[in-house]
N, C-alpha and C. Protein backbone atom coordinates (compact mmCIF):
# COMPACT_ATOMS: atom_id res chain seq x y z
N MET A 1 -76.51 -170.16 -36.71
CA MET A 1 -76.04 -170.05 -35.34
C MET A 1 -75.61 -168.61 -35.08
N CYS A 2 -76.06 -168.06 -34.00
CA CYS A 2 -75.74 -166.68 -33.64
C CYS A 2 -74.40 -166.62 -32.91
N ARG A 3 -73.54 -165.75 -33.39
CA ARG A 3 -72.25 -165.53 -32.72
C ARG A 3 -72.32 -164.23 -31.94
N CYS A 4 -73.42 -164.04 -31.26
CA CYS A 4 -73.63 -162.83 -30.47
C CYS A 4 -72.91 -162.94 -29.13
N GLY A 5 -72.50 -161.83 -28.62
CA GLY A 5 -71.87 -161.82 -27.32
C GLY A 5 -72.54 -160.80 -26.43
N SER A 6 -72.31 -160.91 -25.15
CA SER A 6 -72.85 -159.95 -24.20
C SER A 6 -71.71 -159.10 -23.67
N LEU A 7 -71.96 -157.82 -23.52
CA LEU A 7 -70.96 -156.90 -22.99
C LEU A 7 -71.43 -156.37 -21.65
N ALA A 8 -70.49 -156.10 -20.76
CA ALA A 8 -70.81 -155.54 -19.45
C ALA A 8 -69.76 -154.50 -19.10
N ALA A 9 -70.13 -153.53 -18.29
CA ALA A 9 -69.19 -152.51 -17.86
C ALA A 9 -68.07 -153.14 -17.05
N ARG A 10 -66.87 -152.63 -17.23
CA ARG A 10 -65.72 -153.16 -16.50
C ARG A 10 -65.94 -153.00 -15.01
N GLY A 11 -65.61 -154.02 -14.26
CA GLY A 11 -65.71 -153.99 -12.81
C GLY A 11 -67.00 -154.59 -12.26
N GLU A 12 -67.98 -154.80 -13.11
CA GLU A 12 -69.22 -155.41 -12.65
C GLU A 12 -69.08 -156.93 -12.65
N GLU A 13 -69.71 -157.56 -11.68
CA GLU A 13 -69.68 -159.02 -11.65
C GLU A 13 -70.62 -159.55 -12.73
N THR A 14 -70.08 -160.42 -13.56
CA THR A 14 -70.86 -160.96 -14.66
C THR A 14 -70.54 -162.44 -14.82
N PRO A 15 -71.40 -163.17 -15.51
CA PRO A 15 -71.09 -164.57 -15.80
C PRO A 15 -69.85 -164.68 -16.68
N ALA A 16 -69.24 -165.83 -16.71
CA ALA A 16 -68.01 -166.03 -17.47
C ALA A 16 -68.21 -165.82 -18.97
N SER A 17 -69.45 -165.94 -19.45
CA SER A 17 -69.71 -165.78 -20.88
C SER A 17 -69.70 -164.32 -21.33
N HIS A 18 -69.72 -163.39 -20.37
CA HIS A 18 -69.72 -161.97 -20.71
C HIS A 18 -68.29 -161.47 -20.86
N ARG A 19 -68.13 -160.44 -21.68
CA ARG A 19 -66.82 -159.81 -21.84
C ARG A 19 -66.88 -158.40 -21.30
N ASP A 20 -65.72 -157.87 -20.86
CA ASP A 20 -65.64 -156.49 -20.37
C ASP A 20 -65.80 -155.52 -21.53
N PHE A 21 -66.38 -154.37 -21.23
CA PHE A 21 -66.55 -153.31 -22.20
C PHE A 21 -66.12 -152.01 -21.55
N ALA A 22 -65.24 -151.26 -22.20
CA ALA A 22 -64.79 -149.98 -21.66
C ALA A 22 -64.58 -149.00 -22.81
N VAL A 23 -64.81 -147.74 -22.54
CA VAL A 23 -64.61 -146.68 -23.52
C VAL A 23 -63.68 -145.65 -22.90
N ARG A 24 -62.67 -145.25 -23.65
CA ARG A 24 -61.79 -144.19 -23.16
C ARG A 24 -62.50 -142.86 -23.35
N THR A 25 -62.70 -142.12 -22.27
CA THR A 25 -63.39 -140.84 -22.38
C THR A 25 -62.60 -139.83 -23.19
N SER A 26 -61.31 -140.03 -23.33
CA SER A 26 -60.52 -139.12 -24.16
C SER A 26 -60.86 -139.27 -25.64
N ASP A 27 -61.52 -140.36 -26.01
CA ASP A 27 -61.95 -140.54 -27.39
C ASP A 27 -63.28 -139.85 -27.70
N PHE A 28 -63.96 -139.31 -26.68
CA PHE A 28 -65.25 -138.65 -26.88
C PHE A 28 -65.04 -137.28 -27.52
N SER A 29 -65.93 -136.92 -28.41
CA SER A 29 -65.96 -135.57 -28.98
C SER A 29 -66.96 -134.74 -28.18
N ALA A 30 -67.04 -133.45 -28.48
CA ALA A 30 -68.02 -132.60 -27.82
C ALA A 30 -69.43 -133.09 -28.13
N ASP A 31 -69.67 -133.52 -29.35
CA ASP A 31 -70.99 -134.06 -29.72
C ASP A 31 -71.32 -135.31 -28.90
N ASP A 32 -70.32 -136.17 -28.67
CA ASP A 32 -70.54 -137.38 -27.87
C ASP A 32 -70.95 -137.02 -26.45
N TRP A 33 -70.26 -136.04 -25.85
CA TRP A 33 -70.60 -135.63 -24.49
C TRP A 33 -72.00 -135.02 -24.46
N GLY A 34 -72.34 -134.24 -25.47
CA GLY A 34 -73.67 -133.67 -25.54
C GLY A 34 -74.73 -134.76 -25.62
N TYR A 35 -74.47 -135.77 -26.43
CA TYR A 35 -75.42 -136.89 -26.55
C TYR A 35 -75.55 -137.63 -25.22
N LEU A 36 -74.42 -137.83 -24.54
CA LEU A 36 -74.44 -138.54 -23.26
C LEU A 36 -75.29 -137.81 -22.23
N PHE A 37 -75.21 -136.47 -22.22
CA PHE A 37 -75.96 -135.68 -21.25
C PHE A 37 -77.28 -135.15 -21.82
N ASN A 38 -77.64 -135.62 -23.01
CA ASN A 38 -78.89 -135.22 -23.65
C ASN A 38 -78.96 -133.71 -23.85
N LEU A 39 -77.86 -133.13 -24.38
CA LEU A 39 -77.78 -131.70 -24.64
C LEU A 39 -77.43 -131.46 -26.10
N ASP A 40 -78.02 -130.45 -26.68
CA ASP A 40 -77.65 -130.03 -28.03
C ASP A 40 -76.57 -128.97 -27.88
N ILE A 41 -75.35 -129.27 -28.30
CA ILE A 41 -74.24 -128.35 -28.07
C ILE A 41 -74.30 -127.12 -28.95
N TYR A 42 -75.24 -127.06 -29.88
CA TYR A 42 -75.37 -125.91 -30.77
C TYR A 42 -76.54 -125.00 -30.39
N GLN A 43 -77.61 -125.55 -29.79
CA GLN A 43 -78.80 -124.74 -29.51
C GLN A 43 -79.07 -124.56 -28.02
N ASP A 44 -78.78 -125.54 -27.18
CA ASP A 44 -79.03 -125.43 -25.74
C ASP A 44 -77.93 -124.61 -25.08
N ARG A 45 -78.32 -123.74 -24.16
CA ARG A 45 -77.30 -122.96 -23.45
C ARG A 45 -76.34 -123.86 -22.66
N MET A 46 -76.90 -124.86 -21.99
CA MET A 46 -76.04 -125.79 -21.24
C MET A 46 -75.15 -126.56 -22.20
N GLY A 47 -75.67 -126.91 -23.36
CA GLY A 47 -74.87 -127.61 -24.36
C GLY A 47 -73.73 -126.74 -24.87
N GLN A 48 -74.01 -125.44 -25.05
CA GLN A 48 -72.95 -124.52 -25.49
C GLN A 48 -71.89 -124.37 -24.42
N LEU A 49 -72.32 -124.34 -23.16
CA LEU A 49 -71.36 -124.28 -22.05
C LEU A 49 -70.51 -125.55 -22.02
N LEU A 50 -71.15 -126.69 -22.22
CA LEU A 50 -70.42 -127.95 -22.27
C LEU A 50 -69.39 -127.92 -23.40
N ASN A 51 -69.80 -127.44 -24.56
CA ASN A 51 -68.89 -127.36 -25.71
C ASN A 51 -67.72 -126.42 -25.42
N ASP A 52 -68.00 -125.26 -24.80
CA ASP A 52 -66.93 -124.32 -24.45
C ASP A 52 -65.94 -124.96 -23.47
N ALA A 53 -66.47 -125.66 -22.47
CA ALA A 53 -65.60 -126.33 -21.50
C ALA A 53 -64.78 -127.42 -22.19
N PHE A 54 -65.40 -128.16 -23.08
CA PHE A 54 -64.69 -129.22 -23.80
C PHE A 54 -63.53 -128.64 -24.60
N ILE A 55 -63.78 -127.53 -25.29
CA ILE A 55 -62.72 -126.88 -26.09
C ILE A 55 -61.58 -126.43 -25.20
N LYS A 56 -61.91 -125.86 -24.04
CA LYS A 56 -60.85 -125.35 -23.14
C LYS A 56 -59.99 -126.47 -22.56
N VAL A 57 -60.57 -127.62 -22.28
CA VAL A 57 -59.77 -128.69 -21.66
C VAL A 57 -59.07 -129.57 -22.71
N THR A 58 -59.44 -129.46 -23.97
CA THR A 58 -58.80 -130.30 -24.98
C THR A 58 -57.75 -129.57 -25.79
N LEU A 59 -57.62 -128.27 -25.65
CA LEU A 59 -56.59 -127.54 -26.39
C LEU A 59 -55.28 -127.54 -25.68
């Protein structure tokens, strides 16, 4: 028997069998943000800018 569950973004209307899913953005690292925006924070210029901005707002 599968004990699988379905997750949905918080605030969306879902059937009662679904559970809410939320992620605190403060838990994201610079690499996570790069992955989310499909940027390489080490080689892409936009990725490096994202990394610089991340460092400035988290210090």
